[in-house]
Amino acid sequence: MDVAINGESVPPELIGPNVLTVVGKGETVRYEFEVTGSVAKSTAYGGTINDFDEVRSDGTVAGRTTDEADSYSCIGVASSFEAAGPVEVYADGELVTDV
């Protein structure tokens, strides 16, 4: 399938939104990731919205989780992800990595 936005070809994986979810494993863990497009907090997949998580205008996110889910609606792809402890990361509800 060919997709174009404003006359420019766009890869299908950049059409969204997609949901990235970070779930803690019981201890408080700080994480940060960057998305190639836009990102916003979401309640999808049980995601919580609180003051511990920051979505920046440049497409980066900094947050923390203990055992709750933090979900983000993303248009684009995650280009980096770092966590300072054990977390599970899901893309559209599917486990991507258990860090």
Foldseek 3Di string as FASTA:
>chain_A
DWDDDPRHTDPPLLPDFKKKKKFADAAKKKKKWFFPFAKDWDCPPNADDDPQKDQDPRRMIIGIYGGGMTMMTHRGGIPDMDMPDWIWMDINNHTDDTD
